[in-house]
Amino acid sequence: MPAPESRPDPAPAPESGHPAFPRRDPRTHWAVTLVVIAGGFLTVRPLGLSGRGLAVAALLVLCSAALLVRHLPEARFSPRVVLVGMSLGVVASAALIGVSRTGSSYLFAYFLVGHIGYRFPLKWSLPLAASSSLLCAAVLYFHIGPGHHQLAWGLGLTTGLPVVAGILSRSKQRALEAVIEAAESSERAARAEAQAAVLTERSRIARDVHDVLAHSLAGINMQLELADALLDTGDLDKVREANHKAHSMVKESLKQAQWTVHALREDALPLVETLTAMLESSGHRDALTVTGTVRSLSARGTQNLLRIAQEALTNAGRHAPGGSVAVRLAFGEASTTLTVRNGPATREVIAGLGSGMGLIGMRERVALLDGTLAAGPVPEGPDAGGWQVEAVIPDESDSR
């Protein structure tokens, strides 16, 4: 049997940090930090190994360390430890403004407060930003230390403003991370759905292979065994008849293989016409009765009804050889009903035929359509002692 058409594999899931949502570039932040630190050591004065120069150098080291801490992974230290470090950095940056005479000492306060707004929640970042503004403004207003007498104390108040930029950057980053997480969750769900679809498709192919191979080979084997048994009786007419039936089953198997290929490709088959051809090829002419208004069903509904009919007809030929067969297809207002009934056997039944999966396969097919299946012996009437299979599928399932 030809293999079904290949389907494209699901797209691979993106790795963490989806390329469509770039995260902060650490190289840029490292470069800015190093520029601020280098500018401080090159411009802030006095700078030395004794007296006020030593104090300036020590404060520069503390402020630089506080700036460098912001590049450490957040998971490495607890938030409270980082909070204490940032608080000390704010105090050191305010003290540096007061102790130094010249240079870019005030830049440390701006960058520290901006990072505080990015790294900490509002309940921590806003008080720290306010503290930085008050400390730096107080240093300039009260002229604590030699300070920058040429700078207005209002400049100190502005050192708390970068917290707003940090908060906005933090909000944007958290939003991007939420989008990334949602996209990755969607990808995982899509992979799980694709895997489930693959397993469902494998089950469907397994049922079709069973219908075509197991049924056809079982029937052909039955006729060949019958022909072999008749050879001992010398009844060549019956041998030819069994051989002819075996050839007919081979032709029927080829037709069934074509139906299966169509079904696997999800091509829509005309239900009534295909069912009629199936009955005629199995030797049951005029066995189909159609009631109600004929309408087209979905490819899946048509495919599964045809497979159920095929299974029921094969079981009838296997377990009730020579018995009458009647098939009824009823189109109701909200459902479609397929009934296959056979009478009792009129010829000897060969034991041991069949895989035992036929009824299971029919129930699986009906379950896929949210329908019902009833199968059992016929208790009374002209077909008493025979068997009946009735499958009912709702129209809303076919329309999916």
Protein backbone atom coordinates (compact mmCIF):
# COMPACT_ATOMS: atom_id res chain seq x y z
CA MET A 1 0.00 0.00 0.00
CA PRO A 2 1.46 3.38 -0.91
CA ALA A 3 2.58 5.48 1.99
CA PRO A 4 0.55 8.57 2.84
CA GLU A 5 1.81 11.93 1.78
CA SER A 6 4.47 13.31 4.08
CA ARG A 7 3.61 16.21 6.30
CA PRO A 8 5.99 18.99 7.34
CA ASP A 9 7.58 18.59 10.72
CA PRO A 10 6.55 21.06 13.39
CA ALA A 11 8.72 24.11 13.56
CA PRO A 12 11.44 23.80 16.21
CA ALA A 13 10.79 25.61 19.42
CA PRO A 14 12.81 28.74 20.04
CA GLU A 15 15.42 28.73 22.73
CA SER A 16 15.04 30.85 25.81
CA GLY A 17 15.60 34.44 24.84
CA HIS A 18 13.59 34.49 21.65
CA PRO A 19 15.50 36.34 18.89
CA ALA A 20 12.38 38.35 18.07
CA PHE A 21 12.55 39.93 21.54
CA PRO A 22 16.15 41.03 22.19
CA ARG A 23 17.20 41.45 25.77
CA ARG A 24 19.42 44.18 27.15
CA ASP A 25 22.85 44.16 25.55
CA PRO A 26 25.31 43.69 28.47
CA ARG A 27 28.23 44.94 26.39
CA THR A 28 26.69 48.40 26.04
CA HIS A 29 26.09 48.66 29.80
CA TRP A 30 29.59 47.47 30.58
CA ALA A 31 31.01 50.10 28.22
CA VAL A 32 28.97 52.90 29.82
CA THR A 33 29.98 51.78 33.31
CA LEU A 34 33.67 51.67 32.42
CA VAL A 35 33.47 55.10 30.78
CA VAL A 36 31.90 56.61 33.92
CA ILE A 37 34.51 54.98 36.18
CA ALA A 38 37.40 56.01 33.94
CA GLY A 39 36.02 59.55 33.70
CA GLY A 40 35.79 59.73 37.48
CA PHE A 41 39.39 58.67 38.05
CA LEU A 42 40.62 61.01 35.30
CA THR A 43 38.66 64.13 36.31
CA VAL A 44 37.79 63.96 40.00
CA ARG A 45 40.33 65.82 42.13
CA PRO A 46 42.09 65.81 44.54
CA LEU A 47 43.20 62.23 44.12
CA GLY A 48 46.11 60.83 46.12
CA LEU A 49 47.36 58.43 48.75
CA SER A 50 47.00 60.68 51.79
CA GLY A 51 44.64 63.19 53.33
CA ARG A 52 41.68 64.36 51.25
CA GLY A 53 43.11 62.71 48.13
CA LEU A 54 42.95 59.33 49.87
CA ALA A 55 39.34 59.98 50.93
CA VAL A 56 38.42 60.85 47.33
CA ALA A 57 40.18 57.72 46.08
CA ALA A 58 38.35 55.55 48.63
CA LEU A 59 34.96 57.04 47.70
CA LEU A 60 35.75 56.57 44.00
CA VAL A 61 36.47 52.91 44.65
CA LEU A 62 33.21 52.49 46.59
CA CYS A 63 31.15 54.23 43.91
CA SER A 64 32.86 52.21 41.17
CA ALA A 65 32.22 48.99 43.06
CA ALA A 66 28.54 49.94 43.42
CA LEU A 67 28.34 50.55 39.67
CA LEU A 68 30.03 47.23 38.90
CA VAL A 69 27.68 45.33 41.22
CA ARG A 70 24.76 46.09 38.92
CA HIS A 71 26.28 43.79 36.30
CA LEU A 72 26.29 40.77 38.58
CA PRO A 73 23.48 38.22 38.01
CA GLU A 74 20.47 38.93 40.19
CA ALA A 75 20.35 35.33 41.39
CA ARG A 76 23.91 35.42 42.77
CA PHE A 77 23.12 37.67 45.75
CA SER A 78 19.94 38.12 47.73
CA PRO A 79 17.98 41.34 46.99
CA ARG A 80 18.61 42.64 50.51
CA VAL A 81 22.38 42.32 50.14
CA VAL A 82 22.26 44.22 46.83
CA LEU A 83 19.96 46.79 48.45
CA VAL A 84 22.49 47.42 51.20
CA GLY A 85 25.26 47.76 48.60
CA MET A 86 23.24 50.24 46.52
CA SER A 87 22.38 52.23 49.66
CA LEU A 88 26.06 52.50 50.55
CA GLY A 89 26.75 53.51 46.95
CA VAL A 90 24.20 56.35 47.18
CA VAL A 91 25.80 57.63 50.40
CA ALA A 92 29.29 57.32 48.88
CA SER A 93 28.29 59.20 45.71
CA ALA A 94 26.81 62.06 47.78
CA ALA A 95 29.95 62.18 49.92
CA LEU A 96 32.12 62.18 46.80
CA ILE A 97 30.35 65.30 45.53
CA GLY A 98 31.16 67.05 48.80
CA VAL A 99 34.76 65.86 49.22
CA SER A 100 35.99 66.39 45.66
CA ARG A 101 36.70 69.83 44.23
CA THR A 102 36.38 69.15 40.50
CA GLY A 103 35.39 66.44 38.03
CA SER A 104 32.41 64.28 37.16
CA SER A 105 31.68 62.91 40.63
CA TYR A 106 27.94 63.62 40.28
CA LEU A 107 27.65 61.07 37.42
CA PHE A 108 27.96 58.21 39.90
CA ALA A 109 24.78 59.31 41.67
CA TYR A 110 22.84 59.53 38.41
CA PHE A 111 23.83 56.08 37.18
CA LEU A 112 23.36 54.41 40.57
CA VAL A 113 19.85 55.81 40.98
CA GLY A 114 18.95 54.79 37.43
CA HIS A 115 20.05 51.24 38.14
CA ILE A 116 18.16 51.23 41.44
CA GLY A 117 14.97 52.08 39.54
CA TYR A 118 15.62 49.20 37.15
CA ARG A 119 16.61 46.56 39.66
CA PHE A 120 14.31 47.11 42.65
CA PRO A 121 10.54 47.38 43.09
CA LEU A 122 8.93 50.74 43.75
CA LYS A 123 8.83 50.28 47.52
CA TRP A 124 12.64 50.24 47.54
CA SER A 125 13.63 52.30 44.51
CA LEU A 126 11.59 55.42 45.24
CA PRO A 127 12.88 55.88 48.83
CA LEU A 128 16.47 55.37 47.66
CA ALA A 129 16.01 57.88 44.83
CA ALA A 130 14.53 60.41 47.26
CA SER A 131 17.44 59.80 49.65
CA SER A 132 19.94 60.42 46.86
CA SER A 133 18.25 63.70 45.92
CA LEU A 134 18.14 64.90 49.51
CA LEU A 135 21.72 63.87 50.33
CA CYS A 136 23.25 65.39 47.20
CA ALA A 137 21.16 68.57 47.52
CA ALA A 138 22.13 68.88 51.20
CA VAL A 139 25.82 68.49 50.40
CA LEU A 140 25.64 71.29 47.83
CA TYR A 141 23.25 73.51 49.82
CA PHE A 142 25.17 73.38 53.09
CA HIS A 143 28.57 73.35 51.36
CA ILE A 144 29.67 70.23 53.21
CA GLY A 145 33.31 69.83 52.31
CA PRO A 146 34.96 71.93 49.63
CA GLY A 147 32.36 70.63 47.12
CA HIS A 148 31.47 72.22 43.82
CA HIS A 149 30.69 75.77 44.82
CA GLN A 150 29.89 76.55 41.20
CA LEU A 151 27.04 73.97 41.16
CA ALA A 152 23.56 74.91 42.39
CA TRP A 153 22.04 72.77 45.12
CA GLY A 154 19.08 72.09 42.76
CA LEU A 155 21.42 69.87 40.76
CA GLY A 156 21.54 67.54 43.72
CA LEU A 157 17.78 67.18 43.65
CA THR A 158 17.94 66.00 40.05
CA THR A 159 20.06 62.97 40.95
CA GLY A 160 16.86 61.15 41.90
CA LEU A 161 15.22 61.66 38.50
CA PRO A 162 16.98 58.76 36.69
CA VAL A 163 14.93 56.40 38.86
CA VAL A 164 12.02 57.10 36.49
CA ALA A 165 14.05 55.91 33.50
CA GLY A 166 15.10 52.83 35.44
CA ILE A 167 11.50 52.03 36.40
CA LEU A 168 10.34 52.41 32.80
CA SER A 169 13.19 50.23 31.57
CA ARG A 170 12.34 47.61 34.20
CA SER A 171 8.67 47.61 33.17
CA LYS A 172 9.58 47.27 29.50
CA GLN A 173 11.97 44.41 30.23
CA ARG A 174 9.41 42.57 32.37
CA ALA A 175 6.83 43.00 29.60
CA LEU A 176 9.27 41.58 27.05
CA GLU A 177 10.04 38.64 29.32
CA ALA A 178 6.30 37.99 29.75
CA VAL A 179 5.85 38.00 25.97
CA ILE A 180 8.81 35.65 25.58
CA GLU A 181 7.44 33.29 28.22
CA ALA A 182 4.00 33.33 26.60
CA ALA A 183 5.53 32.62 23.18
CA GLU A 184 7.58 29.72 24.56
CA SER A 185 4.51 28.33 26.35
CA SER A 186 2.60 28.56 23.08
CA GLU A 187 5.41 26.74 21.29
CA ARG A 188 5.38 23.98 23.90
CA ALA A 189 1.61 23.64 23.57
CA ALA A 190 1.93 23.53 19.78
CA ARG A 191 4.56 20.78 20.01
CA ALA A 192 2.35 18.77 22.35
CA GLU A 193 -0.62 19.21 20.02
CA ALA A 194 1.49 18.20 17.01
CA GLN A 195 2.68 15.10 18.87
CA ALA A 196 -0.91 14.18 19.71
CA ALA A 197 -1.88 14.69 16.08
CA VAL A 198 0.96 12.39 14.98
CA LEU A 199 -0.19 9.66 17.38
CA THR A 200 -3.80 10.05 16.20
CA GLU A 201 -2.66 9.81 12.58
CA ARG A 202 -0.66 6.66 13.34
CA SER A 203 -3.72 5.08 14.92
CA ARG A 204 -5.80 5.99 11.88
CA ILE A 205 -3.24 4.51 9.50
CA ALA A 206 -3.06 1.36 11.64
CA ARG A 207 -6.83 0.94 11.37
CA ASP A 208 -6.72 1.42 7.59
CA VAL A 209 -3.88 -1.08 7.22
CA HIS A 210 -5.87 -3.56 9.30
CA ASP A 211 -8.96 -3.02 7.17
CA VAL A 212 -7.15 -3.56 3.89
CA LEU A 213 -4.58 -6.23 4.70
CA ALA A 214 -6.13 -8.26 7.51
CA HIS A 215 -9.57 -8.46 5.92
CA SER A 216 -8.43 -9.09 2.39
CA LEU A 217 -5.75 -11.63 3.27
CA ALA A 218 -8.08 -13.45 5.64
CA GLY A 219 -10.75 -13.80 2.93
CA ILE A 220 -8.28 -14.89 0.26
CA ASN A 221 -6.73 -17.39 2.68
CA MET A 222 -10.17 -18.79 3.44
CA GLN A 223 -10.94 -19.40 -0.25
CA LEU A 224 -7.52 -20.95 -0.90
CA GLU A 225 -7.93 -23.30 2.06
CA LEU A 226 -11.37 -24.22 0.77
CA ALA A 227 -9.93 -24.93 -2.68
CA ASP A 228 -7.18 -27.05 -1.14
CA ALA A 229 -9.76 -29.05 0.84
CA LEU A 230 -11.93 -29.56 -2.25
CA LEU A 231 -9.03 -30.99 -4.23
CA ASP A 232 -9.23 -34.13 -2.13
CA THR A 233 -12.89 -34.57 -3.09
CA GLY A 234 -12.20 -34.26 -6.81
CA ASP A 235 -14.97 -31.69 -7.25
CA LEU A 236 -13.19 -29.45 -9.75
CA ASP A 237 -16.19 -27.19 -10.26
CA LYS A 238 -16.15 -26.15 -6.62
CA VAL A 239 -12.37 -25.81 -6.73
CA ARG A 240 -12.71 -23.44 -9.70
CA GLU A 241 -15.43 -21.54 -7.86
CA ALA A 242 -13.22 -21.09 -4.79
CA ASN A 243 -10.31 -20.07 -6.97
CA HIS A 244 -12.50 -17.59 -8.82
CA LYS A 245 -13.62 -16.06 -5.51
CA ALA A 246 -10.00 -15.79 -4.42
CA HIS A 247 -9.19 -13.88 -7.63
CA SER A 248 -12.21 -11.65 -7.06
CA MET A 249 -10.99 -10.91 -3.55
CA VAL A 250 -7.59 -9.94 -4.90
CA LYS A 251 -9.27 -7.47 -7.25
CA GLU A 252 -11.38 -6.22 -4.37
CA SER A 253 -8.24 -5.80 -2.27
CA LEU A 254 -6.74 -3.57 -4.95
CA LYS A 255 -9.89 -1.43 -4.92
CA GLN A 256 -9.77 -1.25 -1.14
CA ALA A 257 -6.13 -0.20 -1.32
CA GLN A 258 -7.16 2.63 -3.63
CA TRP A 259 -9.91 3.65 -1.20
CA THR A 260 -7.41 3.62 1.63
CA VAL A 261 -4.97 5.84 -0.28
CA HIS A 262 -7.81 8.25 -1.00
CA ALA A 263 -8.77 8.24 2.67
CA LEU A 264 -5.21 8.83 3.84
CA ARG A 265 -4.97 11.76 1.47
CA GLU A 266 -8.32 12.96 2.82
CA ASP A 267 -9.89 13.06 -0.61
CA ALA A 268 -13.69 13.18 -0.38
CA LEU A 269 -15.40 10.05 -1.74
CA PRO A 270 -19.10 9.93 -2.67
CA LEU A 271 -20.60 7.87 0.15
CA VAL A 272 -23.57 6.28 -1.61
CA GLU A 273 -21.73 5.50 -4.86
CA THR A 274 -18.69 4.07 -3.08
CA LEU A 275 -20.84 1.98 -0.75
CA THR A 276 -22.78 0.62 -3.74
CA ALA A 277 -19.56 -0.32 -5.54
CA MET A 278 -18.26 -1.99 -2.38
CA LEU A 279 -21.39 -4.15 -2.09
CA GLU A 280 -21.38 -5.12 -5.76
CA SER A 281 -17.73 -6.10 -5.69
CA SER A 282 -18.41 -8.34 -2.68
CA GLY A 283 -21.28 -10.10 -4.50
CA HIS A 284 -24.21 -8.34 -2.78
CA ARG A 285 -26.08 -6.52 -5.53
CA ASP A 286 -29.14 -4.45 -4.67
CA ALA A 287 -28.34 -4.85 -0.97
CA LEU A 288 -28.23 -1.10 -0.23
CA THR A 289 -31.26 0.88 0.89
CA VAL A 290 -31.00 4.65 1.22
CA THR A 291 -33.60 6.68 3.13
CA GLY A 292 -33.91 10.38 3.82
CA THR A 293 -32.43 13.27 1.88
CA VAL A 294 -28.98 12.33 0.59
CA ARG A 295 -26.34 14.91 1.49
CA SER A 296 -22.57 15.12 1.40
CA LEU A 297 -20.66 14.35 4.58
CA SER A 298 -17.19 15.45 5.53
CA ALA A 299 -14.19 13.50 4.24
CA ARG A 300 -13.61 12.12 7.73
CA GLY A 301 -17.24 11.08 8.20
CA THR A 302 -17.41 9.42 4.78
CA GLN A 303 -14.11 7.64 5.29
CA ASN A 304 -15.05 6.18 8.65
CA LEU A 305 -18.53 5.08 7.56
CA LEU A 306 -17.02 3.29 4.57
CA ARG A 307 -14.47 1.55 6.80
CA ILE A 308 -17.20 0.48 9.22
CA ALA A 309 -19.25 -0.93 6.31
CA GLN A 310 -16.16 -2.70 4.97
CA GLU A 311 -15.42 -4.22 8.38
CA ALA A 312 -19.02 -5.37 8.84
CA LEU A 313 -19.20 -6.93 5.35
CA THR A 314 -15.89 -8.71 5.85
CA ASN A 315 -17.07 -10.09 9.19
CA ALA A 316 -20.32 -11.25 7.57
CA GLY A 317 -18.44 -13.12 4.86
CA ARG A 318 -16.06 -14.60 7.42
CA HIS A 319 -18.51 -15.67 10.14
CA ALA A 320 -21.70 -16.17 8.10
CA PRO A 321 -20.62 -17.41 4.65
CA GLY A 322 -23.55 -17.71 2.26
CA GLY A 323 -25.84 -15.65 4.49
CA SER A 324 -27.92 -12.76 3.18
CA VAL A 325 -26.62 -9.19 3.62
CA ALA A 326 -28.65 -5.99 3.84
CA VAL A 327 -27.23 -2.48 4.25
CA ARG A 328 -29.31 0.59 5.11
CA LEU A 329 -28.06 4.17 4.99
CA ALA A 330 -30.46 6.59 6.67
CA PHE A 331 -30.00 10.36 6.47
CA GLY A 332 -31.86 11.87 9.43
CA GLU A 333 -32.35 15.51 10.36
CA ALA A 334 -29.40 15.61 12.74
CA SER A 335 -27.53 12.35 12.16
CA THR A 336 -26.62 9.66 9.67
CA THR A 337 -27.17 5.98 10.45
CA LEU A 338 -25.44 3.03 8.78
CA THR A 339 -26.89 -0.42 9.46
CA VAL A 340 -25.31 -3.65 8.19
CA ARG A 341 -27.26 -6.86 8.87
CA ASN A 342 -26.47 -10.39 7.77
CA GLY A 343 -28.40 -13.60 8.10
CA PRO A 344 -27.06 -16.87 9.52
CA ALA A 345 -24.42 -18.86 7.69
CA THR A 346 -25.52 -21.31 4.99
CA ARG A 347 -22.06 -22.79 4.46
CA GLU A 348 -19.46 -24.20 6.81
CA VAL A 349 -17.62 -21.58 8.86
CA ILE A 350 -13.86 -22.01 9.00
CA ALA A 351 -12.72 -21.40 12.57
CA GLY A 352 -9.69 -19.35 13.52
CA LEU A 353 -10.08 -16.56 10.97
CA GLY A 354 -9.86 -12.91 11.87
CA SER A 355 -7.61 -10.74 14.01
CA GLY A 356 -10.16 -9.93 16.69
CA MET A 357 -9.61 -6.19 16.15
CA GLY A 358 -12.55 -5.51 13.81
CA LEU A 359 -15.14 -4.48 16.39
CA ILE A 360 -12.54 -2.48 18.32
CA GLY A 361 -11.62 -0.61 15.15
CA MET A 362 -15.26 0.18 14.41
CA ARG A 363 -15.80 1.54 17.91
CA GLU A 364 -12.69 3.70 17.60
CA ARG A 365 -13.90 5.14 14.31
CA VAL A 366 -17.34 5.99 15.69
CA ALA A 367 -15.75 7.54 18.80
CA LEU A 368 -13.71 9.87 16.56
CA LEU A 369 -17.02 11.18 15.21
CA ASP A 370 -18.70 11.46 18.64
CA GLY A 371 -21.21 8.85 17.51
CA THR A 372 -22.54 5.54 18.86
CA LEU A 373 -22.12 1.94 17.73
CA ALA A 374 -24.35 -1.01 18.50
CA ALA A 375 -23.34 -4.52 17.46
CA GLY A 376 -24.89 -7.84 18.35
CA PRO A 377 -26.86 -10.89 17.18
CA VAL A 378 -30.24 -10.58 15.49
CA PRO A 379 -32.76 -12.15 17.93
CA GLU A 380 -35.78 -12.54 15.65
CA GLY A 381 -37.14 -12.12 12.15
CA PRO A 382 -35.94 -13.62 8.87
CA ASP A 383 -32.32 -12.89 9.83
CA ALA A 384 -32.56 -14.42 13.31
CA GLY A 385 -29.25 -15.95 14.27
CA GLY A 386 -27.36 -13.43 12.16
CA TRP A 387 -25.51 -10.27 13.19
CA GLN A 388 -26.18 -6.54 12.99
CA VAL A 389 -23.93 -3.49 13.22
CA GLU A 390 -25.47 -0.02 13.53
CA ALA A 391 -23.39 3.17 13.56
CA VAL A 392 -24.95 6.57 14.24
CA ILE A 393 -22.93 9.75 13.75
CA PRO A 394 -24.22 13.28 14.45
CA ASP A 395 -24.07 15.84 11.65
CA GLU A 396 -22.24 18.39 13.78
CA SER A 397 -19.31 15.95 14.06
CA ASP A 398 -19.16 15.66 10.28
CA SER A 399 -19.00 19.38 9.85
CA ARG A 400 -15.83 19.74 11.89
